[in-house]
Protein backbone atom coordinates (compact mmCIF):
# COMPACT_ATOMS: atom_id res chain seq x y z
CA THR A 1 -6.19 42.81 -87.44
CA CYS A 2 -4.12 44.79 -88.73
CA LEU A 3 -4.29 42.14 -92.42
CA HIS A 4 -7.80 41.31 -91.94
CA PRO A 5 -9.39 43.34 -95.29
CA ASP A 6 -12.90 42.97 -94.09
CA ILE A 7 -12.58 45.10 -90.16
CA PRO A 8 -12.91 48.99 -90.94
CA ASP A 9 -9.39 50.69 -91.24
CA ALA A 10 -9.78 52.76 -88.10
CA GLN A 11 -10.43 49.76 -85.88
CA ARG A 12 -7.85 47.76 -87.28
CA GLY A 13 -4.60 46.89 -85.00
CA ARG A 14 -6.75 48.43 -81.92
CA TYR A 15 -8.82 47.67 -78.98
CA LEU A 16 -12.32 47.88 -81.17
CA GLY A 17 -10.53 45.55 -83.78
CA VAL A 18 -9.81 42.65 -81.44
CA SER A 19 -13.32 42.66 -80.45
CA HIS A 20 -14.80 42.78 -83.63
CA PRO A 21 -17.85 40.50 -84.55
CA LEU A 22 -15.52 39.02 -87.40
CA MET A 23 -12.86 38.54 -85.03
CA ILE A 24 -15.06 37.14 -82.79
CA GLU A 25 -16.61 34.62 -84.83
CA TYR A 26 -12.90 33.75 -85.48
CA TYR A 27 -11.78 33.09 -81.59
CA GLN A 28 -15.38 31.01 -81.68
CA ALA A 29 -14.56 28.83 -84.68
CA LEU A 30 -10.79 27.95 -83.13
CA GLY A 31 -12.42 27.09 -79.73
CA ILE A 32 -10.83 30.25 -77.77
CA THR A 33 -12.22 31.08 -74.38
CA ALA A 34 -9.68 33.24 -73.55
CA LEU A 35 -7.17 36.33 -75.38
CA GLN A 36 -4.02 37.04 -73.52
CA LEU A 37 -2.69 40.64 -74.99
CA LEU A 38 0.90 41.53 -74.54
CA PRO A 39 1.36 44.70 -72.42
CA VAL A 40 -1.15 47.57 -73.52
CA HIS A 41 -0.44 49.36 -70.48
CA PHE A 42 1.42 53.21 -71.62
CA GLY A 43 5.09 53.11 -72.67
CA ILE A 44 7.71 54.53 -74.58
CA ASP A 45 10.25 53.17 -77.37
CA GLU A 46 13.52 52.90 -75.77
CA LEU A 47 16.43 55.31 -76.68
CA HIS A 48 18.34 53.27 -79.00
CA LEU A 49 15.58 52.30 -81.11
CA GLN A 50 14.32 55.62 -81.53
CA GLN A 51 17.98 56.38 -83.30
CA GLN A 52 17.57 53.86 -85.34
CA GLY A 53 13.97 55.12 -86.44
CA ARG A 54 12.57 51.64 -85.14
CA ASN A 55 9.62 50.71 -82.63
CA ASN A 56 9.01 48.66 -79.71
CA TYR A 57 5.96 47.53 -80.41
CA TRP A 58 5.68 45.07 -78.11
CA GLY A 59 5.28 47.32 -75.44
CA TYR A 60 7.32 45.90 -72.88
CA ASN A 61 9.16 49.02 -71.88
CA PRO A 62 6.09 50.85 -69.50
CA LEU A 63 6.23 53.89 -68.11
CA ALA A 64 2.89 54.53 -67.17
CA TRP A 65 0.88 51.53 -66.09
CA PHE A 66 -2.97 52.70 -64.89
CA ALA A 67 -2.82 53.77 -68.93
CA PRO A 68 -4.07 51.90 -71.85
CA ALA A 69 -1.45 52.74 -74.91
CA PRO A 70 -3.86 55.25 -76.81
CA ARG A 71 -1.89 53.90 -79.79
CA TYR A 72 -4.95 51.02 -79.79
CA ALA A 73 -7.32 53.35 -79.88
CA GLN A 74 -9.51 55.14 -82.01
CA GLU A 75 -10.18 58.39 -79.77
CA ASP A 76 -10.53 57.28 -75.62
CA PRO A 77 -8.12 54.61 -75.26
CA ILE A 78 -10.50 53.81 -71.53
CA SER A 79 -13.94 53.37 -72.73
CA GLU A 80 -12.69 51.51 -76.40
CA PHE A 81 -10.95 48.83 -73.98
CA ARG A 82 -13.54 48.69 -71.60
CA THR A 83 -15.99 48.46 -74.57
CA MET A 84 -13.39 46.01 -76.17
CA VAL A 85 -13.44 43.39 -72.75
CA GLU A 86 -17.41 43.68 -72.48
CA GLN A 87 -17.71 42.41 -76.50
CA LEU A 88 -15.26 39.77 -75.77
CA HIS A 89 -16.87 38.92 -72.29
CA ALA A 90 -20.54 38.90 -74.33
CA ALA A 91 -18.68 36.58 -76.43
CA GLY A 92 -17.93 33.93 -73.47
CA ILE A 93 -14.15 35.21 -74.34
CA GLU A 94 -11.89 35.99 -70.89
CA VAL A 95 -9.14 39.00 -71.48
CA LEU A 96 -5.79 38.46 -69.82
CA LEU A 97 -2.99 41.61 -69.74
CA ASP A 98 0.26 40.72 -69.61
CA VAL A 99 2.06 43.34 -66.75
CA VAL A 100 5.57 44.63 -66.79
CA PHE A 101 6.26 45.67 -63.35
CA ASN A 102 9.95 44.60 -63.34
CA HIS A 103 11.25 47.54 -64.85
CA SER A 104 10.46 50.66 -66.40
CA ALA A 105 10.88 52.87 -69.12
CA GLU A 106 13.57 54.89 -67.45
CA GLY A 107 16.41 52.53 -68.11
CA ASP A 108 19.37 52.55 -65.85
CA GLU A 109 21.74 55.17 -64.07
CA ARG A 110 22.40 56.93 -67.60
CA GLY A 111 18.57 57.12 -68.64
CA PRO A 112 15.83 60.06 -68.32
CA THR A 113 13.91 60.62 -66.12
CA LEU A 114 10.48 60.30 -66.38
CA SER A 115 8.35 59.50 -63.25
CA LEU A 116 9.66 57.14 -60.66
CA ARG A 117 13.09 58.57 -60.96
CA GLY A 118 12.20 61.90 -60.48
CA LEU A 119 9.75 61.02 -57.65
CA ASP A 120 11.94 58.83 -55.52
CA ASN A 121 14.58 57.26 -56.69
CA ALA A 122 16.56 55.05 -53.97
CA VAL A 123 12.82 53.96 -52.97
CA TYR A 124 11.52 52.74 -56.29
CA TYR A 125 14.67 50.93 -57.77
CA ARG A 126 16.71 48.26 -56.53
CA ARG A 127 20.37 49.34 -56.35
CA THR A 128 23.27 48.01 -55.83
CA GLY A 129 27.26 48.89 -56.09
CA ALA A 130 29.03 50.19 -52.97
CA GLU A 131 27.62 53.37 -53.04
CA GLY A 132 24.15 52.24 -54.13
CA PHE A 133 24.74 54.49 -57.35
CA ALA A 134 23.65 51.43 -60.14
CA PHE A 135 20.92 50.21 -60.80
CA SER A 136 20.37 46.16 -60.27
CA ASN A 137 19.25 45.23 -63.90
CA GLU A 138 17.72 41.74 -63.49
CA SER A 139 15.46 42.85 -66.02
CA GLY A 140 18.15 43.02 -68.81
CA CYS A 141 16.31 46.34 -69.51
CA GLY A 142 18.67 48.60 -67.60
CA ASN A 143 16.95 48.57 -63.79
CA ALA A 144 14.39 46.60 -61.67
CA LEU A 145 11.64 47.80 -59.33
CA ASP A 146 12.24 47.38 -56.12
CA THR A 147 9.46 45.32 -54.97
CA ASP A 148 10.40 45.08 -50.80
CA GLN A 149 9.25 48.62 -50.60
CA PRO A 150 6.29 49.25 -49.46
CA ALA A 151 5.55 52.15 -52.08
CA VAL A 152 6.41 49.60 -54.74
CA LEU A 153 4.20 47.12 -53.46
CA GLN A 154 1.40 49.52 -53.36
CA LEU A 155 1.71 51.12 -56.82
CA ILE A 156 1.24 47.40 -58.11
CA MET A 157 -1.55 46.45 -56.09
CA ASP A 158 -3.12 49.51 -56.70
CA CYS A 159 -2.57 48.96 -60.58
CA LEU A 160 -3.48 45.44 -60.53
CA ARG A 161 -7.05 46.79 -59.01
CA PHE A 162 -7.72 48.79 -61.32
CA TRP A 163 -7.51 46.44 -64.47
CA ALA A 164 -9.52 44.13 -62.63
CA ASN A 165 -12.40 46.51 -61.20
CA ASP A 166 -12.46 49.28 -63.61
CA MET A 167 -11.15 48.03 -66.90
CA GLY A 168 -12.96 44.24 -66.21
CA VAL A 169 -9.91 42.15 -67.11
CA ASP A 170 -9.84 38.70 -66.11
CA GLY A 171 -6.03 38.00 -64.85
CA PHE A 172 -3.01 38.47 -65.21
CA ARG A 173 0.53 37.37 -66.60
CA PHE A 174 3.56 39.04 -65.10
CA ASP A 175 6.43 39.52 -66.76
CA LEU A 176 9.78 38.09 -65.66
CA ALA A 177 8.03 37.73 -61.89
CA SER A 178 11.61 36.50 -60.63
CA ALA A 179 12.57 39.97 -60.80
CA LEU A 180 9.73 40.58 -58.61
CA SER A 181 9.93 37.95 -56.32
CA ARG A 182 13.63 38.90 -54.86
CA ARG A 183 14.16 39.59 -51.30
CA ASN A 184 17.90 41.46 -50.82
CA GLY A 185 18.55 40.53 -54.23
CA GLN A 186 17.79 36.33 -54.17
CA PHE A 187 14.68 34.76 -54.77
CA ASP A 188 11.96 34.34 -52.10
CA SER A 189 8.96 32.03 -53.41
CA GLY A 190 7.00 33.71 -50.29
CA HIS A 191 7.76 37.11 -51.44
CA SER A 192 5.22 39.75 -49.86
CA LEU A 193 3.67 40.57 -53.48
CA TRP A 194 2.54 37.39 -54.29
CA ALA A 195 1.01 37.42 -50.68
CA ALA A 196 -0.92 40.59 -50.92
CA ILE A 197 -2.04 39.51 -54.10
CA LEU A 198 -3.32 35.94 -52.67
CA GLN A 199 -5.07 37.56 -49.64
CA ASP A 200 -6.95 40.47 -52.15
CA PRO A 201 -10.62 39.73 -52.38
CA ASP A 202 -10.35 41.80 -55.56
CA LEU A 203 -7.19 39.47 -57.31
CA ARG A 204 -7.34 36.10 -55.48
CA ASP A 205 -9.75 34.38 -57.77
CA LEU A 206 -8.39 35.87 -60.98
CA LYS A 207 -6.21 33.99 -63.53
CA LEU A 208 -2.81 34.61 -62.08
CA ILE A 209 0.28 33.20 -64.16
CA ALA A 210 3.98 34.18 -63.94
CA GLU A 211 7.05 33.65 -66.10
CA PRO A 212 9.00 32.05 -63.69
CA TRP A 213 12.59 33.27 -64.38
CA ASP A 214 14.04 36.89 -65.16
CA VAL A 215 17.80 37.45 -66.45
CA GLY A 216 19.71 38.03 -62.88
CA GLU A 217 21.71 35.69 -61.11
CA ASP A 218 19.67 32.18 -59.78
CA GLY A 219 16.52 33.69 -61.95
CA TYR A 220 14.93 30.54 -62.91
CA HIS A 221 12.65 28.98 -60.73
CA LEU A 222 9.57 27.14 -62.30
CA GLY A 223 7.58 25.30 -60.19
CA GLN A 224 8.66 27.14 -57.08
CA TYR A 225 5.62 29.96 -56.83
CA PRO A 226 3.43 29.65 -53.92
CA GLU A 227 0.05 27.55 -54.50
CA GLY A 228 -2.57 30.05 -56.44
CA ILE A 229 -0.52 31.03 -58.77
CA SER A 230 0.14 29.50 -62.24
CA GLU A 231 3.28 29.53 -64.13
CA TRP A 232 4.22 29.32 -67.57
CA ASN A 233 5.69 26.17 -68.17
CA ASP A 234 8.87 26.27 -70.26
CA ARG A 235 9.76 22.25 -70.18
CA PHE A 236 6.16 21.65 -71.66
CA ARG A 237 6.84 24.09 -74.70
CA ASN A 238 10.53 22.56 -75.60
CA ASP A 239 9.79 18.79 -74.89
CA VAL A 240 6.38 18.47 -76.78
CA ARG A 241 8.25 20.29 -79.47
CA ARG A 242 11.05 18.10 -79.35
CA PHE A 243 8.70 14.97 -79.34
CA VAL A 244 6.46 16.42 -82.21
CA ARG A 245 9.56 17.19 -84.25
CA GLY A 246 11.08 13.40 -84.28
CA ASP A 247 13.82 13.71 -81.55
CA GLU A 248 14.48 10.11 -79.72
CA GLY A 249 14.63 8.85 -76.14
CA LEU A 250 11.54 11.91 -75.58
CA LEU A 251 8.79 9.37 -74.90
CA GLY A 252 9.04 9.93 -70.82
CA ASP A 253 9.48 13.86 -70.83
CA PHE A 254 6.42 14.13 -73.56
CA ALA A 255 4.12 11.69 -71.03
CA LYS A 256 5.21 13.94 -68.20
CA ARG A 257 4.48 17.16 -69.92
CA VAL A 258 1.16 16.23 -71.52
CA ALA A 259 0.07 14.81 -67.39
CA GLY A 260 0.73 18.07 -65.80
CA SER A 261 4.68 17.90 -65.46
CA TRP A 262 4.17 16.28 -61.90
CA ASP A 263 7.85 16.01 -61.49
CA ILE A 264 8.09 19.53 -61.43
CA PHE A 265 4.99 21.26 -59.93
CA ARG A 266 4.19 18.30 -57.05
CA ARG A 267 4.62 19.95 -54.19
CA ALA A 268 5.82 18.57 -50.60
CA GLY A 269 3.12 15.62 -49.00
CA THR A 270 1.16 15.87 -51.83
């Protein structure tokens, strides 16, 4: 919406620009029934970007998960986000939110103390090394939240309920979900986070989508998440793109992808 000449300047690139009538008309003309927003919880720019005079405009460096980013609002981020959701719902369009619970903006052990590090460093972050001084880094961003800890699990659950119940979103895409699924450092498809979400009456019927990998050792787990959790399927993306491009020998793989990738997502006994 930043480039749309007919949207008021004050709304371009902001929540109310997303739900402007001209944009809704455009979505409907394309047949769009859901929008997935990149992270809109409050975050900051990484230090190395600040030093270069650059910005993390993608939003993947969270600091306050309950706070809609004020840079996308004219005045009141909460009310304007709610208005956006209401206007999109009125047009029959769902709103999905990309959520980043795998790390925070505090970075590694050399990073600043901004929030969780000052509250309880040893509880909120997964640690490594003989003395436990170093941070695990399955996110590739310097730290990883320790979802084995009840306090972290409660933080995530409370945050999801807030965005679902108070802000009205219809679902979530979990960034680097394999980092959320690690128990004692190893991937666990039955992790308590997914069990908690799937039994929660406010969350279990929403659109729930995992990005099924992280950057840590043994981080790729496409097709291994519990029933009720959908997954981003990069095999679909890669095989269909190569087939359309004209690469040879892909007819079988292309057929599998458009038929639902049964070779990846079939479950035992089905």
